[in-house]
Amino acid sequence: MSEKSGANVIRTIFELLVLLAALGIIFGGLALIVLFSPWAKEVLERLLAFDIRFAIEMIAFLVLAAIILLLSAMVVYARNIVHSALYLLGSFAGVAALYIMLNATFVGVAQVLVYIGAVGVLLLFAVMLTKKTILEESHGEV
């Protein structure tokens, strides 16, 4: 039994390494595309010119994008479905913040009202209603 579980551990580690290599290739390619894009030179010149407002906006955007990516990954990896729905609402809020930061306030407010308000509440109610029936069915079978 331990040989089988050891093989499963090795297989899981190998799959994770392949996944990390694929993600490295994808994001490395995207970084090269961005680096050689026409506006990359302008961005670097503005950063090197110490345009402080541009640097603050860039840092705020990068922090917000990192938060959205983290919350999106947590949606997939959360074991509890209620937590997953709440992480999804958080990523929706981050996207709304990005819209507002890009001076698209109407789209940002619409994002908050439609996705966070309507879809989020609908998702949470659906989760709460289905979880009860799943628990009742599982207790009936055991």
N, C-alpha and C. Protein backbone atom coordinates (compact mmCIF):
# COMPACT_ATOMS: atom_id res chain seq x y z
N MET A 1 0.82 -1.19 0.00
CA MET A 1 0.00 0.00 0.00
C MET A 1 0.86 1.26 0.00
N SER A 2 1.99 1.22 0.75
CA SER A 2 2.85 2.40 0.82
C SER A 2 3.54 2.64 -0.52
N GLU A 3 3.84 1.57 -1.28
CA GLU A 3 4.44 1.76 -2.60
C GLU A 3 3.46 2.47 -3.52
N LYS A 4 2.20 2.12 -3.43
CA LYS A 4 1.20 2.74 -4.27
C LYS A 4 1.02 4.21 -3.90
N SER A 5 1.00 4.52 -2.60
CA SER A 5 0.85 5.91 -2.18
C SER A 5 2.11 6.70 -2.52
N GLY A 6 3.28 6.07 -2.46
CA GLY A 6 4.52 6.74 -2.86
C GLY A 6 4.51 7.06 -4.34
N ALA A 7 3.98 6.14 -5.16
CA ALA A 7 3.88 6.39 -6.59
C ALA A 7 2.89 7.52 -6.86
N ASN A 8 1.82 7.57 -6.08
CA ASN A 8 0.84 8.66 -6.24
C ASN A 8 1.45 10.00 -5.88
N VAL A 9 2.29 10.03 -4.85
CA VAL A 9 2.94 11.27 -4.45
C VAL A 9 3.89 11.73 -5.55
N ILE A 10 4.67 10.79 -6.11
CA ILE A 10 5.60 11.14 -7.19
C ILE A 10 4.83 11.62 -8.41
N ARG A 11 3.73 10.95 -8.72
CA ARG A 11 2.92 11.37 -9.87
C ARG A 11 2.33 12.76 -9.65
N THR A 12 1.87 13.04 -8.44
CA THR A 12 1.31 14.36 -8.14
C THR A 12 2.37 15.43 -8.23
N ILE A 13 3.56 15.16 -7.73
CA ILE A 13 4.67 16.12 -7.82
C ILE A 13 5.04 16.36 -9.28
N PHE A 14 5.08 15.31 -10.08
CA PHE A 14 5.39 15.45 -11.50
C PHE A 14 4.33 16.29 -12.21
N GLU A 15 3.05 16.05 -11.90
CA GLU A 15 1.98 16.83 -12.53
C GLU A 15 2.07 18.30 -12.14
N LEU A 16 2.41 18.57 -10.88
CA LEU A 16 2.57 19.96 -10.44
C LEU A 16 3.75 20.63 -11.15
N LEU A 17 4.85 19.90 -11.32
CA LEU A 17 5.99 20.46 -12.02
C LEU A 17 5.68 20.75 -13.49
N VAL A 18 4.93 19.85 -14.13
CA VAL A 18 4.53 20.08 -15.52
C VAL A 18 3.61 21.30 -15.60
N LEU A 19 2.69 21.42 -14.64
CA LEU A 19 1.79 22.56 -14.61
C LEU A 19 2.56 23.86 -14.40
N LEU A 20 3.52 23.86 -13.48
CA LEU A 20 4.34 25.05 -13.25
C LEU A 20 5.17 25.41 -14.47
N ALA A 21 5.71 24.41 -15.17
CA ALA A 21 6.47 24.68 -16.39
C ALA A 21 5.57 25.27 -17.47
N ALA A 22 4.37 24.74 -17.61
CA ALA A 22 3.44 25.28 -18.62
C ALA A 22 3.05 26.71 -18.27
N LEU A 23 2.77 26.97 -17.00
CA LEU A 23 2.45 28.34 -16.60
C LEU A 23 3.63 29.28 -16.81
N GLY A 24 4.84 28.81 -16.55
CA GLY A 24 6.03 29.62 -16.78
C GLY A 24 6.20 29.96 -18.25
N ILE A 25 5.95 28.99 -19.12
CA ILE A 25 6.04 29.25 -20.56
C ILE A 25 4.98 30.25 -21.00
N ILE A 26 3.75 30.07 -20.51
CA ILE A 26 2.67 30.97 -20.90
C ILE A 26 2.94 32.39 -20.42
N PHE A 27 3.23 32.54 -19.13
CA PHE A 27 3.44 33.88 -18.59
C PHE A 27 4.76 34.48 -19.06
N GLY A 28 5.77 33.65 -19.32
CA GLY A 28 7.01 34.17 -19.90
C GLY A 28 6.79 34.70 -21.30
N GLY A 29 6.00 33.97 -22.08
CA GLY A 29 5.66 34.45 -23.43
C GLY A 29 4.88 35.75 -23.38
N LEU A 30 3.92 35.83 -22.46
CA LEU A 30 3.17 37.08 -22.32
C LEU A 30 4.08 38.23 -21.89
N ALA A 31 5.03 37.95 -21.00
CA ALA A 31 5.95 38.99 -20.57
C ALA A 31 6.81 39.46 -21.73
N LEU A 32 7.25 38.53 -22.58
CA LEU A 32 8.04 38.94 -23.74
C LEU A 32 7.22 39.76 -24.73
N ILE A 33 5.96 39.39 -24.91
CA ILE A 33 5.09 40.17 -25.79
C ILE A 33 4.91 41.58 -25.25
N VAL A 34 4.69 41.68 -23.93
CA VAL A 34 4.52 43.01 -23.33
C VAL A 34 5.83 43.79 -23.41
N LEU A 35 6.95 43.11 -23.18
CA LEU A 35 8.24 43.80 -23.19
C LEU A 35 8.57 44.37 -24.56
N PHE A 36 8.22 43.64 -25.62
CA PHE A 36 8.53 44.11 -26.96
C PHE A 36 7.39 44.85 -27.62
N SER A 37 6.35 45.19 -26.86
CA SER A 37 5.23 45.93 -27.43
C SER A 37 5.62 47.40 -27.62
N PRO A 38 4.91 48.12 -28.47
CA PRO A 38 5.28 49.51 -28.75
C PRO A 38 5.16 50.43 -27.53
N TRP A 39 4.23 50.17 -26.63
CA TRP A 39 4.06 51.08 -25.50
C TRP A 39 4.96 50.76 -24.33
N ALA A 40 5.71 49.64 -24.39
CA ALA A 40 6.59 49.29 -23.28
C ALA A 40 7.70 50.32 -23.11
N LYS A 41 8.20 50.85 -24.23
CA LYS A 41 9.26 51.85 -24.15
C LYS A 41 8.75 53.11 -23.46
N GLU A 42 7.52 53.52 -23.77
CA GLU A 42 6.95 54.71 -23.13
C GLU A 42 6.75 54.49 -21.64
N VAL A 43 6.29 53.31 -21.26
CA VAL A 43 6.08 53.01 -19.84
C VAL A 43 7.41 53.06 -19.10
N LEU A 44 8.44 52.45 -19.67
CA LEU A 44 9.75 52.47 -19.02
C LEU A 44 10.31 53.88 -18.93
N GLU A 45 10.12 54.69 -19.97
CA GLU A 45 10.61 56.08 -19.94
C GLU A 45 9.89 56.88 -18.86
N ARG A 46 8.58 56.67 -18.73
CA ARG A 46 7.84 57.42 -17.71
C ARG A 46 8.23 56.96 -16.31
N LEU A 47 8.49 55.67 -16.14
CA LEU A 47 8.93 55.20 -14.83
C LEU A 47 10.32 55.72 -14.49
N LEU A 48 11.20 55.75 -15.48
CA LEU A 48 12.55 56.25 -15.24
C LEU A 48 12.58 57.76 -15.07
N ALA A 49 11.58 58.46 -15.58
CA ALA A 49 11.52 59.92 -15.43
C ALA A 49 10.94 60.31 -14.07
N PHE A 50 10.66 59.33 -13.22
CA PHE A 50 10.14 59.55 -11.87
C PHE A 50 8.83 60.33 -11.88
N ASP A 51 7.96 59.97 -12.80
CA ASP A 51 6.61 60.53 -12.79
C ASP A 51 5.86 59.82 -11.67
N ILE A 52 5.80 60.47 -10.52
CA ILE A 52 5.33 59.81 -9.30
C ILE A 52 3.86 59.41 -9.38
N ARG A 53 3.04 60.22 -10.04
CA ARG A 53 1.62 59.88 -10.15
C ARG A 53 1.43 58.62 -10.98
N PHE A 54 2.20 58.52 -12.08
CA PHE A 54 2.13 57.33 -12.92
C PHE A 54 2.61 56.10 -12.15
N ALA A 55 3.67 56.26 -11.37
CA ALA A 55 4.20 55.13 -10.59
C ALA A 55 3.19 54.67 -9.54
N ILE A 56 2.51 55.62 -8.89
CA ILE A 56 1.51 55.25 -7.88
C ILE A 56 0.35 54.53 -8.54
N GLU A 57 -0.11 55.03 -9.70
CA GLU A 57 -1.20 54.36 -10.41
C GLU A 57 -0.79 52.95 -10.85
N MET A 58 0.43 52.80 -11.30
CA MET A 58 0.92 51.49 -11.74
C MET A 58 0.99 50.52 -10.57
N ILE A 59 1.48 50.99 -9.43
CA ILE A 59 1.58 50.13 -8.25
C ILE A 59 0.19 49.74 -7.77
N ALA A 60 -0.74 50.70 -7.76
CA ALA A 60 -2.11 50.40 -7.34
C ALA A 60 -2.76 49.38 -8.27
N PHE A 61 -2.53 49.53 -9.56
CA PHE A 61 -3.06 48.57 -10.52
C PHE A 61 -2.48 47.19 -10.30
N LEU A 62 -1.17 47.10 -10.10
CA LEU A 62 -0.53 45.80 -9.90
C LEU A 62 -1.00 45.12 -8.61
N VAL A 63 -1.17 45.90 -7.56
CA VAL A 63 -1.66 45.33 -6.29
C VAL A 63 -3.08 44.82 -6.46
N LEU A 64 -3.92 45.63 -7.12
CA LEU A 64 -5.31 45.22 -7.35
C LEU A 64 -5.38 43.98 -8.25
N ALA A 65 -4.55 43.93 -9.27
CA ALA A 65 -4.53 42.76 -10.16
C ALA A 65 -4.07 41.51 -9.40
N ALA A 66 -3.08 41.67 -8.53
CA ALA A 66 -2.61 40.52 -7.73
C ALA A 66 -3.70 40.03 -6.79
N ILE A 67 -4.45 40.95 -6.19
CA ILE A 67 -5.55 40.55 -5.30
C ILE A 67 -6.62 39.80 -6.08
N ILE A 68 -6.94 40.30 -7.29
CA ILE A 68 -7.95 39.63 -8.11
C ILE A 68 -7.48 38.23 -8.50
N LEU A 69 -6.23 38.10 -8.88
CA LEU A 69 -5.71 36.78 -9.24
C LEU A 69 -5.71 35.82 -8.04
N LEU A 70 -5.36 36.32 -6.88
CA LEU A 70 -5.36 35.49 -5.67
C LEU A 70 -6.78 35.03 -5.34
N LEU A 71 -7.73 35.96 -5.39
CA LEU A 71 -9.11 35.59 -5.09
C LEU A 71 -9.67 34.62 -6.13
N SER A 72 -9.29 34.81 -7.38
CA SER A 72 -9.76 33.89 -8.43
C SER A 72 -9.19 32.50 -8.23
N ALA A 73 -7.94 32.41 -7.82
CA ALA A 73 -7.35 31.10 -7.54
C ALA A 73 -8.01 30.46 -6.33
N MET A 74 -8.37 31.28 -5.35
CA MET A 74 -9.03 30.74 -4.17
C MET A 74 -10.44 30.24 -4.49
N VAL A 75 -11.09 30.82 -5.51
CA VAL A 75 -12.40 30.32 -5.93
C VAL A 75 -12.28 28.87 -6.36
N VAL A 76 -11.22 28.55 -7.07
CA VAL A 76 -11.04 27.20 -7.59
C VAL A 76 -10.60 26.24 -6.50
N TYR A 77 -9.72 26.68 -5.61
CA TYR A 77 -9.12 25.77 -4.64
C TYR A 77 -9.83 25.70 -3.30
N ALA A 78 -10.85 26.50 -3.09
CA ALA A 78 -11.56 26.46 -1.80
C ALA A 78 -12.37 25.17 -1.70
N ARG A 79 -12.29 24.51 -0.57
CA ARG A 79 -13.03 23.27 -0.37
C ARG A 79 -14.49 23.54 0.01
N ASN A 80 -14.72 24.62 0.71
CA ASN A 80 -16.08 24.98 1.12
C ASN A 80 -16.72 25.82 0.01
N ILE A 81 -17.90 25.44 -0.43
CA ILE A 81 -18.52 26.11 -1.57
C ILE A 81 -18.99 27.52 -1.20
N VAL A 82 -19.32 27.75 0.07
CA VAL A 82 -19.71 29.09 0.49
C VAL A 82 -18.50 30.02 0.44
N HIS A 83 -17.36 29.53 0.88
CA HIS A 83 -16.14 30.32 0.80
C HIS A 83 -15.79 30.61 -0.66
N SER A 84 -15.98 29.63 -1.52
CA SER A 84 -15.71 29.82 -2.93
C SER A 84 -16.60 30.92 -3.52
N ALA A 85 -17.88 30.93 -3.14
CA ALA A 85 -18.79 31.98 -3.62
C ALA A 85 -18.38 33.35 -3.10
N LEU A 86 -17.92 33.41 -1.86
CA LEU A 86 -17.48 34.69 -1.30
C LEU A 86 -16.20 35.18 -1.97
N TYR A 87 -15.29 34.26 -2.29
CA TYR A 87 -14.08 34.65 -3.03
C TYR A 87 -14.45 35.18 -4.42
N LEU A 88 -15.46 34.57 -5.04
CA LEU A 88 -15.92 35.03 -6.35
C LEU A 88 -16.47 36.44 -6.25
N LEU A 89 -17.23 36.72 -5.19
CA LEU A 89 -17.74 38.07 -4.99
C LEU A 89 -16.60 39.06 -4.77
N GLY A 90 -15.57 38.63 -4.08
CA GLY A 90 -14.40 39.49 -3.89
C GLY A 90 -13.69 39.80 -5.19
N SER A 91 -13.57 38.80 -6.06
CA SER A 91 -12.94 39.06 -7.36
C SER A 91 -13.81 39.97 -8.22
N PHE A 92 -15.14 39.84 -8.12
CA PHE A 92 -16.03 40.77 -8.81
C PHE A 92 -15.82 42.20 -8.30
N ALA A 93 -15.65 42.35 -7.00
CA ALA A 93 -15.42 43.67 -6.42
C ALA A 93 -14.08 44.25 -6.91
N GLY A 94 -13.08 43.40 -7.04
CA GLY A 94 -11.80 43.86 -7.56
C GLY A 94 -11.90 44.33 -9.01
N VAL A 95 -12.66 43.62 -9.81
CA VAL A 95 -12.86 44.03 -11.19
C VAL A 95 -13.62 45.36 -11.24
N ALA A 96 -14.60 45.53 -10.36
CA ALA A 96 -15.31 46.80 -10.29
C ALA A 96 -14.36 47.93 -9.90
N ALA A 97 -13.45 47.66 -8.98
CA ALA A 97 -12.47 48.67 -8.58
C ALA A 97 -11.55 49.02 -9.75
N LEU A 98 -11.20 48.02 -10.57
CA LEU A 98 -10.39 48.31 -11.76
C LEU A 98 -11.14 49.22 -12.73
N TYR A 99 -12.42 48.94 -12.93
CA TYR A 99 -13.22 49.79 -13.81
C TYR A 99 -13.27 51.22 -13.28
N ILE A 100 -13.47 51.37 -12.00
CA ILE A 100 -13.54 52.71 -11.42
C ILE A 100 -12.19 53.40 -11.52
N MET A 101 -11.11 52.64 -11.34
CA MET A 101 -9.78 53.22 -11.46
C MET A 101 -9.48 53.68 -12.89
N LEU A 102 -10.11 53.04 -13.87
CA LEU A 102 -9.92 53.41 -15.28
C LEU A 102 -10.91 54.48 -15.74
N ASN A 103 -11.56 55.14 -14.78
CA ASN A 103 -12.53 56.20 -15.06
C ASN A 103 -13.74 55.71 -15.84
N ALA A 104 -14.11 54.46 -15.67
CA ALA A 104 -15.34 53.93 -16.24
C ALA A 104 -16.29 53.67 -15.07
N THR A 105 -16.75 54.77 -14.45
CA THR A 105 -17.51 54.65 -13.22
C THR A 105 -18.85 53.97 -13.45
N PHE A 106 -19.49 54.24 -14.59
CA PHE A 106 -20.79 53.62 -14.84
C PHE A 106 -20.64 52.10 -14.92
N VAL A 107 -19.62 51.63 -15.63
CA VAL A 107 -19.40 50.19 -15.75
C VAL A 107 -19.04 49.59 -14.39
N GLY A 108 -18.27 50.33 -13.58
CA GLY A 108 -17.92 49.86 -12.25
C GLY A 108 -19.13 49.74 -11.34
N VAL A 109 -19.99 50.74 -11.38
CA VAL A 109 -21.21 50.69 -10.55
C VAL A 109 -22.13 49.59 -11.06
N ALA A 110 -22.24 49.43 -12.38
CA ALA A 110 -23.05 48.35 -12.93
C ALA A 110 -22.49 46.99 -12.51
N GLN A 111 -21.18 46.87 -12.47
CA GLN A 111 -20.55 45.63 -12.01
C GLN A 111 -20.94 45.34 -10.57
N VAL A 112 -20.92 46.36 -9.73
CA VAL A 112 -21.29 46.17 -8.33
C VAL A 112 -22.75 45.78 -8.21
N LEU A 113 -23.63 46.49 -8.92
CA LEU A 113 -25.06 46.22 -8.78
C LEU A 113 -25.45 44.87 -9.37
N VAL A 114 -24.96 44.59 -10.58
CA VAL A 114 -25.40 43.38 -11.27
C VAL A 114 -24.69 42.15 -10.74
N TYR A 115 -23.36 42.16 -10.75
CA TYR A 115 -22.64 40.95 -10.38
C TYR A 115 -22.59 40.72 -8.88
N ILE A 116 -22.19 41.73 -8.13
CA ILE A 116 -22.08 41.52 -6.69
C ILE A 116 -23.46 41.48 -6.06
N GLY A 117 -24.32 42.41 -6.47
CA GLY A 117 -25.64 42.47 -5.87
C GLY A 117 -26.54 41.34 -6.28
N ALA A 118 -26.75 41.18 -7.57
CA ALA A 118 -27.74 40.20 -8.04
C ALA A 118 -27.17 38.79 -8.16
N VAL A 119 -26.11 38.64 -8.91
CA VAL A 119 -25.55 37.31 -9.13
C VAL A 119 -24.97 36.74 -7.84
N GLY A 120 -24.34 37.57 -7.04
CA GLY A 120 -23.78 37.10 -5.78
C GLY A 120 -24.84 36.60 -4.82
N VAL A 121 -25.89 37.37 -4.67
CA VAL A 121 -26.99 36.94 -3.78
C VAL A 121 -27.65 35.68 -4.33
N LEU A 122 -27.86 35.63 -5.63
CA LEU A 122 -28.44 34.43 -6.24
C LEU A 122 -27.56 33.21 -6.01
N LEU A 123 -26.27 33.37 -6.17
CA LEU A 123 -25.34 32.26 -5.95
C LEU A 123 -25.38 31.80 -4.50
N LEU A 124 -25.34 32.74 -3.56
CA LEU A 124 -25.35 32.36 -2.15
C LEU A 124 -26.66 31.68 -1.75
N PHE A 125 -27.78 32.18 -2.26
CA PHE A 125 -29.05 31.51 -1.97
C PHE A 125 -29.08 30.11 -2.57
N ALA A 126 -28.59 29.97 -3.79
CA ALA A 126 -28.56 28.64 -4.41
C ALA A 126 -27.69 27.68 -3.61
N VAL A 127 -26.56 28.16 -3.14
CA VAL A 127 -25.67 27.32 -2.34
C VAL A 127 -26.34 26.92 -1.03
N MET A 128 -26.98 27.89 -0.39
CA MET A 128 -27.64 27.58 0.88
C MET A 128 -28.80 26.60 0.69
N LEU A 129 -29.55 26.73 -0.38
CA LEU A 129 -30.69 25.83 -0.59
C LEU A 129 -30.25 24.43 -1.01
N THR A 130 -29.23 24.31 -1.83
CA THR A 130 -28.80 22.98 -2.28
C THR A 130 -28.00 22.25 -1.22
N LYS A 131 -27.27 22.96 -0.40
CA LYS A 131 -26.46 22.31 0.63
C LYS A 131 -27.34 21.55 1.61
N LYS A 132 -28.49 22.10 1.95
CA LYS A 132 -29.37 21.43 2.89
C LYS A 132 -29.89 20.12 2.31
N THR A 133 -30.27 20.11 1.04
CA THR A 133 -30.79 18.88 0.44
C THR A 133 -29.69 17.84 0.27
N ILE A 134 -28.49 18.26 -0.02
CA ILE A 134 -27.39 17.31 -0.17
C ILE A 134 -27.09 16.65 1.17
N LEU A 135 -27.09 17.43 2.25
CA LEU A 135 -26.83 16.86 3.57
C LEU A 135 -27.95 15.90 3.97
N GLU A 136 -29.20 16.24 3.67
CA GLU A 136 -30.30 15.35 4.03
C GLU A 136 -30.23 14.04 3.27
N GLU A 137 -29.87 14.10 1.97
CA GLU A 137 -29.76 12.88 1.19
C GLU A 137 -28.61 12.00 1.67
N SER A 138 -27.49 12.63 2.01
CA SER A 138 -26.35 11.84 2.46
C SER A 138 -26.61 11.17 3.81
N HIS A 139 -27.35 11.84 4.70
CA HIS A 139 -27.66 11.24 6.00
C HIS A 139 -28.68 10.12 5.85
N GLY A 140 -29.55 10.23 4.84
CA GLY A 140 -30.54 9.19 4.61
C GLY A 140 -29.90 7.90 4.09
N GLU A 141 -28.81 8.03 3.30
CA GLU A 141 -28.16 6.86 2.72
C GLU A 141 -27.24 6.15 3.71
N VAL A 142 -26.69 6.89 4.64
CA VAL A 142 -25.74 6.31 5.60
C VAL A 142 -26.50 5.58 6.62
